[in-house]
Amino acid sequence: MEDLSYLLVIFQNSVNFNMSNTTDQPIHIPNHNIEDNPCEKPGPKSRMDLFLSFSILALQGFGGVLAVVQRELVEKKKWLTNEEFVEQWSVAQILPGPNVVNLGVMIGQRTFGASGALFAVAGLITFPLFILLIIAALYTGVSDQEWIQSSLKGMNSVVSGLIIATALKLASALSKNQLGTFLGMLIAALSFSAVALLHVPLLFVLVVLGSTSCITAYRKTLRFDELEKDKNKKSQVSREHKS
């Protein structure tokens, strides 16, 4: 599997080099021009880049993709900041369907429109689908073997560790959130307790705690804007008195 991912990386680099002089240029977000602003954070260079990037991501997502998605999109490719990733992943979790597919649709649509969303989804499902069919055919004959069952159970600990490590990395984004670090951690702890310990239905937790978080953040934003307006007015009055 790692060899296949490595070959895809090589193919992706060659495709990006060959397509650099073609007319198939990425469609950027309105009012943002990377050529005029060299400090603009990087993004997919082409639809093929989008397809291959999500293909490589999907091939590494054994048991859970959160850790892989955060590492690939934030740390390696830097398509998103930690704060942007937390916001978009939150939206992806609320929407129906697999979280990573929803995230791929949002990133693809943002950069290349509907075709970008299709390329991102195709990258996520094409190679894993072929591999899944092959593994399913092989697994049928050995599914009852004890070593197979033990291997699958052992992977649970690895996946749990990856998810916890990613959660700790993303926790730093709470300091820049409107809720603040304390309220953010409090709501995160309440969500964890409700789902993991009390076994409250996920939909109920999303409706109650999600609504509470949204309303609180909105009120804090309004209050911050009002304080900024008052501060600007006082500064303007002070300048007028001095003049």
C-alpha atoms as a PDB file:
ATOM      1  CA  MET A   1       0.000   0.000   0.000  1.00  0.00           C
ATOM      2  CA  GLU A   2       2.864   2.395   0.804  1.00  0.00           C
ATOM      3  CA  ASP A   3       4.455   1.586  -2.572  1.00  0.00           C
ATOM      4  CA  LEU A   4       1.227   2.495  -4.336  1.00  0.00           C
ATOM      5  CA  SER A   5       1.053   5.790  -2.421  1.00  0.00           C
ATOM      6  CA  TYR A   6       4.680   6.506  -3.346  1.00  0.00           C
ATOM      7  CA  LEU A   7       4.002   5.864  -7.036  1.00  0.00           C
ATOM      8  CA  LEU A   8       0.996   8.160  -6.901  1.00  0.00           C
ATOM      9  CA  VAL A   9       3.143  10.952  -5.424  1.00  0.00           C
ATOM     10  CA  ILE A  10       5.671  10.576  -8.259  1.00  0.00           C
ATOM     11  CA  PHE A  11       2.895  10.567 -10.862  1.00  0.00           C
ATOM     12  CA  GLN A  12       1.279  13.601  -9.235  1.00  0.00           C
ATOM     13  CA  ASN A  13       4.507  15.611  -9.408  1.00  0.00           C
ATOM     14  CA  SER A  14       5.045  14.731 -13.051  1.00  0.00           C
ATOM     15  CA  VAL A  15       1.464  15.666 -13.942  1.00  0.00           C
ATOM     16  CA  ASN A  16       1.739  19.018 -12.179  1.00  0.00           C
ATOM     17  CA  PHE A  17       5.008  19.743 -14.054  1.00  0.00           C
ATOM     18  CA  ASN A  18       3.553  18.828 -17.449  1.00  0.00           C
ATOM     19  CA  MET A  19       0.375  20.812 -16.853  1.00  0.00           C
ATOM     20  CA  SER A  20       2.130  23.945 -15.615  1.00  0.00           C
ATOM     21  CA  ASN A  21       2.182  25.476 -19.137  1.00  0.00           C
ATOM     22  CA  THR A  22      -1.297  24.461 -20.210  1.00  0.00           C
ATOM     23  CA  THR A  23      -4.438  26.563 -20.207  1.00  0.00           C
ATOM     24  CA  ASP A  24      -6.137  24.466 -17.524  1.00  0.00           C
ATOM     25  CA  GLN A  25      -5.557  26.916 -14.710  1.00  0.00           C
ATOM     26  CA  PRO A  26      -7.217  26.572 -11.297  1.00  0.00           C
ATOM     27  CA  ILE A  27     -10.262  28.672 -10.539  1.00  0.00           C
ATOM     28  CA  HIS A  28      -9.388  30.582  -7.388  1.00  0.00           C
ATOM     29  CA  ILE A  29     -11.716  31.982  -4.782  1.00  0.00           C
ATOM     30  CA  PRO A  30     -13.141  35.372  -5.861  1.00  0.00           C
ATOM     31  CA  ASN A  31     -11.129  38.459  -4.889  1.00  0.00           C
ATOM     32  CA  HIS A  32      -8.016  36.334  -4.294  1.00  0.00           C
ATOM     33  CA  ASN A  33      -5.193  36.157  -6.833  1.00  0.00           C
ATOM     34  CA  ILE A  34      -2.183  34.090  -5.898  1.00  0.00           C
ATOM     35  CA  GLU A  35      -0.029  35.740  -8.600  1.00  0.00           C
ATOM     36  CA  ASP A  36      -0.752  39.187  -7.160  1.00  0.00           C
ATOM     37  CA  ASN A  37      -0.332  37.959  -3.615  1.00  0.00           C
ATOM     38  CA  PRO A  38       2.651  35.600  -3.250  1.00  0.00           C
ATOM     39  CA  CYS A  39       1.873  35.153   0.463  1.00  0.00           C
ATOM     40  CA  GLU A  40      -1.407  33.411  -0.364  1.00  0.00           C
ATOM     41  CA  LYS A  41      -1.502  29.964   1.200  1.00  0.00           C
ATOM     42  CA  PRO A  42      -1.090  27.117  -1.331  1.00  0.00           C
ATOM     43  CA  GLY A  43      -3.960  25.110  -2.730  1.00  0.00           C
ATOM     44  CA  PRO A  44      -4.603  22.450  -5.380  1.00  0.00           C
ATOM     45  CA  LYS A  45      -2.736  23.374  -8.570  1.00  0.00           C
ATOM     46  CA  SER A  46      -5.103  21.510 -10.853  1.00  0.00           C
ATOM     47  CA  ARG A  47      -7.999  19.073 -10.832  1.00  0.00           C
ATOM     48  CA  MET A  48      -5.548  16.208 -11.289  1.00  0.00           C
ATOM     49  CA  ASP A  49      -3.577  17.474  -8.293  1.00  0.00           C
ATOM     50  CA  LEU A  50      -6.819  17.450  -6.309  1.00  0.00           C
ATOM     51  CA  PHE A  51      -7.639  13.913  -7.471  1.00  0.00           C
ATOM     52  CA  LEU A  52      -4.196  12.474  -6.696  1.00  0.00           C
ATOM     53  CA  SER A  53      -3.896  14.275  -3.354  1.00  0.00           C
ATOM     54  CA  PHE A  54      -7.167  12.818  -2.075  1.00  0.00           C
ATOM     55  CA  SER A  55      -6.247   9.421  -3.550  1.00  0.00           C
ATOM     56  CA  ILE A  56      -3.023   9.384  -1.526  1.00  0.00           C
ATOM     57  CA  LEU A  57      -4.970  10.539   1.522  1.00  0.00           C
ATOM     58  CA  ALA A  58      -7.556   7.784   1.110  1.00  0.00           C
ATOM     59  CA  LEU A  59      -4.911   5.064   0.741  1.00  0.00           C
ATOM     60  CA  GLN A  60      -3.512   5.953   4.177  1.00  0.00           C
ATOM     61  CA  GLY A  61      -6.827   6.057   6.023  1.00  0.00           C
ATOM     62  CA  PHE A  62      -6.894   2.708   7.788  1.00  0.00           C
ATOM     63  CA  GLY A  63      -9.595   2.567  10.471  1.00  0.00           C
ATOM     64  CA  GLY A  64     -10.002   6.345  10.620  1.00  0.00           C
ATOM     65  CA  VAL A  65      -8.939   9.249   8.444  1.00  0.00           C
ATOM     66  CA  LEU A  66      -9.017  12.198  10.843  1.00  0.00           C
ATOM     67  CA  ALA A  67      -5.330  11.992  11.739  1.00  0.00           C
ATOM     68  CA  VAL A  68      -4.327  11.440   8.107  1.00  0.00           C
ATOM     69  CA  VAL A  69      -6.517  14.269   6.795  1.00  0.00           C
ATOM     70  CA  GLN A  70      -5.156  16.755   9.333  1.00  0.00           C
ATOM     71  CA  ARG A  71      -1.549  15.797   8.602  1.00  0.00           C
ATOM     72  CA  GLU A  72      -1.903  15.863   4.809  1.00  0.00           C
ATOM     73  CA  LEU A  73      -4.049  18.986   4.370  1.00  0.00           C
ATOM     74  CA  VAL A  74      -2.719  21.117   7.236  1.00  0.00           C
ATOM     75  CA  GLU A  75       0.848  20.061   8.002  1.00  0.00           C
ATOM     76  CA  LYS A  76       2.114  18.818   4.624  1.00  0.00           C
ATOM     77  CA  LYS A  77       0.173  20.599   1.873  1.00  0.00           C
ATOM     78  CA  LYS A  78      -0.877  23.568   4.036  1.00  0.00           C
ATOM     79  CA  TRP A  79      -4.130  23.960   2.099  1.00  0.00           C
ATOM     80  CA  LEU A  80      -5.828  24.794   5.401  1.00  0.00           C
ATOM     81  CA  THR A  81      -4.773  26.255   8.719  1.00  0.00           C
ATOM     82  CA  ASN A  82      -5.616  24.431  11.950  1.00  0.00           C
ATOM     83  CA  GLU A  83      -8.455  26.891  12.583  1.00  0.00           C
ATOM     84  CA  GLU A  84      -9.891  26.468   9.076  1.00  0.00           C
ATOM     85  CA  PHE A  85      -9.605  22.695   9.343  1.00  0.00           C
ATOM     86  CA  VAL A  86     -11.504  22.631  12.651  1.00  0.00           C
ATOM     87  CA  GLU A  87     -14.283  24.823  11.201  1.00  0.00           C
ATOM     88  CA  GLN A  88     -14.659  22.860   7.963  1.00  0.00           C
ATOM     89  CA  TRP A  89     -14.398  19.488   9.684  1.00  0.00           C
ATOM     90  CA  SER A  90     -17.157  20.579  12.059  1.00  0.00           C
ATOM     91  CA  VAL A  91     -19.393  21.409   9.098  1.00  0.00           C
ATOM     92  CA  ALA A  92     -18.485  18.087   7.459  1.00  0.00           C
ATOM     93  CA  GLN A  93     -19.549  16.217  10.599  1.00  0.00           C
ATOM     94  CA  ILE A  94     -22.949  17.900  10.697  1.00  0.00           C
ATOM     95  CA  LEU A  95     -23.723  17.155   7.039  1.00  0.00           C
ATOM     96  CA  PRO A  96     -24.976  13.667   6.105  1.00  0.00           C
ATOM     97  CA  GLY A  97     -22.433  11.294   4.646  1.00  0.00           C
ATOM     98  CA  PRO A  98     -18.790  10.419   5.396  1.00  0.00           C
ATOM     99  CA  ASN A  99     -16.921  13.331   6.960  1.00  0.00           C
ATOM    100  CA  VAL A 100     -13.878  13.151   4.700  1.00  0.00           C
ATOM    101  CA  VAL A 101     -16.043  13.028   1.578  1.00  0.00           C
ATOM    102  CA  ASN A 102     -17.938  16.118   2.722  1.00  0.00           C
ATOM    103  CA  LEU A 103     -14.624  17.888   3.373  1.00  0.00           C
ATOM    104  CA  GLY A 104     -13.333  16.873  -0.056  1.00  0.00           C
ATOM    105  CA  VAL A 105     -16.478  18.259  -1.688  1.00  0.00           C
ATOM    106  CA  MET A 106     -16.053  21.590   0.111  1.00  0.00           C
ATOM    107  CA  ILE A 107     -12.380  21.956  -0.829  1.00  0.00           C
ATOM    108  CA  GLY A 108     -12.945  20.848  -4.419  1.00  0.00           C
ATOM    109  CA  GLN A 109     -15.959  23.105  -4.920  1.00  0.00           C
ATOM    110  CA  ARG A 110     -14.151  26.076  -3.392  1.00  0.00           C
ATOM    111  CA  THR A 111     -11.219  25.818  -5.810  1.00  0.00           C
ATOM    112  CA  PHE A 112     -12.643  24.368  -9.045  1.00  0.00           C
ATOM    113  CA  GLY A 113     -16.411  24.469  -8.654  1.00  0.00           C
ATOM    114  CA  ALA A 114     -18.589  21.406  -9.224  1.00  0.00           C
ATOM    115  CA  SER A 115     -15.919  19.627 -11.271  1.00  0.00           C
ATOM    116  CA  GLY A 116     -13.441  20.046  -8.417  1.00  0.00           C
ATOM    117  CA  ALA A 117     -15.889  18.447  -6.000  1.00  0.00           C
ATOM    118  CA  LEU A 118     -16.291  15.482  -8.374  1.00  0.00           C
ATOM    119  CA  PHE A 119     -12.512  15.064  -8.758  1.00  0.00           C
ATOM    120  CA  ALA A 120     -12.039  15.130  -4.968  1.00  0.00           C
ATOM    121  CA  VAL A 121     -14.727  12.494  -4.389  1.00  0.00           C
ATOM    122  CA  ALA A 122     -13.362  10.370  -7.228  1.00  0.00           C
ATOM    123  CA  GLY A 123      -9.922  10.498  -5.649  1.00  0.00           C
ATOM    124  CA  LEU A 124     -11.306   9.376  -2.315  1.00  0.00           C
ATOM    125  CA  ILE A 125     -13.175   6.336  -3.617  1.00  0.00           C
ATOM    126  CA  THR A 126     -11.494   5.083  -6.820  1.00  0.00           C
ATOM    127  CA  PHE A 127      -8.335   3.350  -5.578  1.00  0.00           C
ATOM    128  CA  PRO A 128      -9.785   2.301  -2.191  1.00  0.00           C
ATOM    129  CA  LEU A 129     -12.707   0.697  -4.043  1.00  0.00           C
ATOM    130  CA  PHE A 130     -10.425  -1.509  -6.149  1.00  0.00           C
ATOM    131  CA  ILE A 131      -8.313  -2.425  -3.122  1.00  0.00           C
ATOM    132  CA  LEU A 132     -11.432  -3.159  -1.059  1.00  0.00           C
ATOM    133  CA  LEU A 133     -12.741  -5.550  -3.715  1.00  0.00           C
ATOM    134  CA  ILE A 134      -9.415  -7.409  -3.781  1.00  0.00           C
ATOM    135  CA  ILE A 135      -9.152  -7.589   0.011  1.00  0.00           C
ATOM    136  CA  ALA A 136     -12.780  -8.696   0.323  1.00  0.00           C
ATOM    137  CA  ALA A 137     -12.115 -11.564  -2.078  1.00  0.00           C
ATOM    138  CA  LEU A 138      -9.018 -12.625  -0.125  1.00  0.00           C
ATOM    139  CA  TYR A 139     -10.577 -12.048   3.312  1.00  0.00           C
ATOM    140  CA  THR A 140     -13.439 -14.436   2.644  1.00  0.00           C
ATOM    141  CA  GLY A 141     -11.098 -17.419   2.774  1.00  0.00           C
ATOM    142  CA  VAL A 142      -9.176 -16.430   5.915  1.00  0.00           C
ATOM    143  CA  SER A 143     -11.736 -14.457   7.956  1.00  0.00           C
ATOM    144  CA  ASP A 144     -12.051 -17.251  10.514  1.00  0.00           C
ATOM    145  CA  GLN A 145      -8.316 -17.448  11.182  1.00  0.00           C
ATOM    146  CA  GLU A 146      -7.369 -16.415  14.730  1.00  0.00           C
ATOM    147  CA  TRP A 147      -4.353 -14.357  13.640  1.00  0.00           C
ATOM    148  CA  ILE A 148      -6.573 -12.282  11.355  1.00  0.00           C
ATOM    149  CA  GLN A 149      -9.009 -11.526  14.182  1.00  0.00           C
ATOM    150  CA  SER A 150      -6.153 -10.644  16.545  1.00  0.00           C
ATOM    151  CA  SER A 151      -4.592  -8.323  13.960  1.00  0.00           C
ATOM    152  CA  LEU A 152      -7.826  -6.437  13.436  1.00  0.00           C
ATOM    153  CA  LYS A 153      -8.348  -6.018  17.180  1.00  0.00           C
ATOM    154  CA  GLY A 154      -4.771  -4.806  17.622  1.00  0.00           C
ATOM    155  CA  MET A 155      -5.323  -2.047  15.077  1.00  0.00           C
ATOM    156  CA  ASN A 156      -8.035  -0.543  17.299  1.00  0.00           C
ATOM    157  CA  SER A 157      -5.409   0.716  19.748  1.00  0.00           C
ATOM    158  CA  VAL A 158      -3.394   2.318  16.950  1.00  0.00           C
ATOM    159  CA  VAL A 159      -6.435   4.086  15.522  1.00  0.00           C
ATOM    160  CA  SER A 160      -7.452   5.328  18.970  1.00  0.00           C
ATOM    161  CA  GLY A 161      -3.990   6.744  19.540  1.00  0.00           C
ATOM    162  CA  LEU A 162      -4.018   8.538  16.180  1.00  0.00           C
ATOM    163  CA  ILE A 163      -7.384  10.142  16.917  1.00  0.00           C
ATOM    164  CA  ILE A 164      -6.301  11.295  20.389  1.00  0.00           C
ATOM    165  CA  ALA A 165      -3.045  12.745  19.020  1.00  0.00           C
ATOM    166  CA  THR A 166      -4.940  14.656  16.329  1.00  0.00           C
ATOM    167  CA  ALA A 167      -7.445  15.975  18.858  1.00  0.00           C
ATOM    168  CA  LEU A 168      -4.587  17.365  20.973  1.00  0.00           C
ATOM    169  CA  LYS A 169      -3.073  19.051  17.905  1.00  0.00           C
ATOM    170  CA  LEU A 170      -6.383  20.674  16.987  1.00  0.00           C
ATOM    171  CA  ALA A 171      -7.013  21.842  20.554  1.00  0.00           C
ATOM    172  CA  SER A 172      -4.634  24.748  19.965  1.00  0.00           C
ATOM    173  CA  ALA A 173      -7.197  26.233  17.567  1.00  0.00           C
ATOM    174  CA  LEU A 174      -9.573  26.835  20.491  1.00  0.00           C
ATOM    175  CA  SER A 175      -7.454  29.739  21.714  1.00  0.00           C
ATOM    176  CA  LYS A 176      -8.362  31.692  18.549  1.00  0.00           C
ATOM    177  CA  ASN A 177     -12.023  30.713  18.664  1.00  0.00           C
ATOM    178  CA  GLN A 178     -14.689  33.231  19.673  1.00  0.00           C
ATOM    179  CA  LEU A 179     -15.710  30.950  22.521  1.00  0.00           C
ATOM    180  CA  GLY A 180     -12.281  31.122  24.076  1.00  0.00           C
ATOM    181  CA  THR A 181     -10.169  28.275  25.416  1.00  0.00           C
ATOM    182  CA  PHE A 182     -12.140  27.664  28.617  1.00  0.00           C
ATOM    183  CA  LEU A 183     -15.613  27.510  27.048  1.00  0.00           C
ATOM    184  CA  GLY A 184     -14.274  25.546  24.098  1.00  0.00           C
ATOM    185  CA  MET A 185     -12.705  22.910  26.339  1.00  0.00           C
ATOM    186  CA  LEU A 186     -15.826  22.822  28.515  1.00  0.00           C
ATOM    187  CA  ILE A 187     -18.125  22.139  25.564  1.00  0.00           C
ATOM    188  CA  ALA A 188     -15.663  19.556  24.203  1.00  0.00           C
ATOM    189  CA  ALA A 189     -15.640  17.796  27.591  1.00  0.00           C
ATOM    190  CA  LEU A 190     -19.447  17.867  27.787  1.00  0.00           C
ATOM    191  CA  SER A 191     -19.709  16.444  24.265  1.00  0.00           C
ATOM    192  CA  PHE A 192     -17.261  13.647  25.075  1.00  0.00           C
ATOM    193  CA  SER A 193     -19.033  12.791  28.326  1.00  0.00           C
ATOM    194  CA  ALA A 194     -22.464  12.782  26.714  1.00  0.00           C
ATOM    195  CA  VAL A 195     -21.470  10.529  23.820  1.00  0.00           C
ATOM    196  CA  ALA A 196     -18.789   8.266  25.320  1.00  0.00           C
ATOM    197  CA  LEU A 197     -19.933   7.935  28.937  1.00  0.00           C
ATOM    198  CA  LEU A 198     -23.669   8.615  28.984  1.00  0.00           C
ATOM    199  CA  HIS A 199     -24.356   7.218  25.477  1.00  0.00           C
ATOM    200  CA  VAL A 200     -26.578  10.148  24.559  1.00  0.00           C
ATOM    201  CA  PRO A 201     -27.627  10.034  20.859  1.00  0.00           C
ATOM    202  CA  LEU A 202     -25.234  12.000  18.695  1.00  0.00           C
ATOM    203  CA  LEU A 203     -28.016  13.960  17.003  1.00  0.00           C
ATOM    204  CA  PHE A 204     -29.284  15.210  20.369  1.00  0.00           C
ATOM    205  CA  VAL A 205     -25.756  16.275  21.403  1.00  0.00           C
ATOM    206  CA  LEU A 206     -25.298  18.154  18.124  1.00  0.00           C
ATOM    207  CA  VAL A 207     -28.629  19.943  18.455  1.00  0.00           C
ATOM    208  CA  VAL A 208     -28.207  20.961  22.111  1.00  0.00           C
ATOM    209  CA  LEU A 209     -24.492  21.637  22.488  1.00  0.00           C
ATOM    210  CA  GLY A 210     -24.056  22.696  18.870  1.00  0.00           C
ATOM    211  CA  SER A 211     -26.834  25.258  19.123  1.00  0.00           C
ATOM    212  CA  THR A 212     -25.490  26.507  22.442  1.00  0.00           C
ATOM    213  CA  SER A 213     -22.001  26.938  20.971  1.00  0.00           C
ATOM    214  CA  CYS A 214     -23.274  28.745  17.874  1.00  0.00           C
ATOM    215  CA  ILE A 215     -25.468  31.150  19.864  1.00  0.00           C
ATOM    216  CA  THR A 216     -22.711  31.878  22.396  1.00  0.00           C
ATOM    217  CA  ALA A 217     -20.118  32.508  19.674  1.00  0.00           C
ATOM    218  CA  TYR A 218     -22.561  34.756  17.791  1.00  0.00           C
ATOM    219  CA  ARG A 219     -23.306  36.846  20.891  1.00  0.00           C
ATOM    220  CA  LYS A 220     -19.606  37.168  21.680  1.00  0.00           C
ATOM    221  CA  THR A 221     -18.953  38.307  18.114  1.00  0.00           C
ATOM    222  CA  LEU A 222     -21.661  40.964  18.320  1.00  0.00           C
ATOM    223  CA  ARG A 223     -20.305  42.164  21.646  1.00  0.00           C
ATOM    224  CA  PHE A 224     -16.778  42.338  20.244  1.00  0.00           C
ATOM    225  CA  ASP A 225     -18.006  44.345  17.236  1.00  0.00           C
ATOM    226  CA  GLU A 226     -19.843  46.765  19.519  1.00  0.00           C
ATOM    227  CA  LEU A 227     -16.743  47.260  21.645  1.00  0.00           C
ATOM    228  CA  GLU A 228     -14.682  47.914  18.527  1.00  0.00           C
ATOM    229  CA  LYS A 229     -17.202  50.489  17.295  1.00  0.00           C
ATOM    230  CA  ASP A 230     -17.206  52.255  20.673  1.00  0.00           C
ATOM    231  CA  LYS A 231     -13.436  52.257  20.697  1.00  0.00           C
ATOM    232  CA  ASN A 232     -13.292  53.742  17.197  1.00  0.00           C
ATOM    233  CA  LYS A 233     -15.833  56.426  18.123  1.00  0.00           C
ATOM    234  CA  LYS A 234     -13.865  57.408  21.214  1.00  0.00           C
ATOM    235  CA  SER A 235     -10.668  57.565  19.172  1.00  0.00           C
ATOM    236  CA  GLN A 236     -12.370  59.746  16.562  1.00  0.00           C
ATOM    237  CA  VAL A 237     -13.781  62.109  19.214  1.00  0.00           C
ATOM    238  CA  SER A 238     -10.370  62.321  20.854  1.00  0.00           C
ATOM    239  CA  ARG A 239      -8.755  63.255  17.551  1.00  0.00           C
ATOM    240  CA  GLU A 240     -11.398  65.902  16.891  1.00  0.00           C
ATOM    241  CA  HIS A 241     -10.810  67.500  20.307  1.00  0.00           C
ATOM    242  CA  LYS A 242      -7.063  67.575  19.713  1.00  0.00           C
ATOM    243  CA  SER A 243      -7.543  69.190  16.300  1.00  0.00           C
END
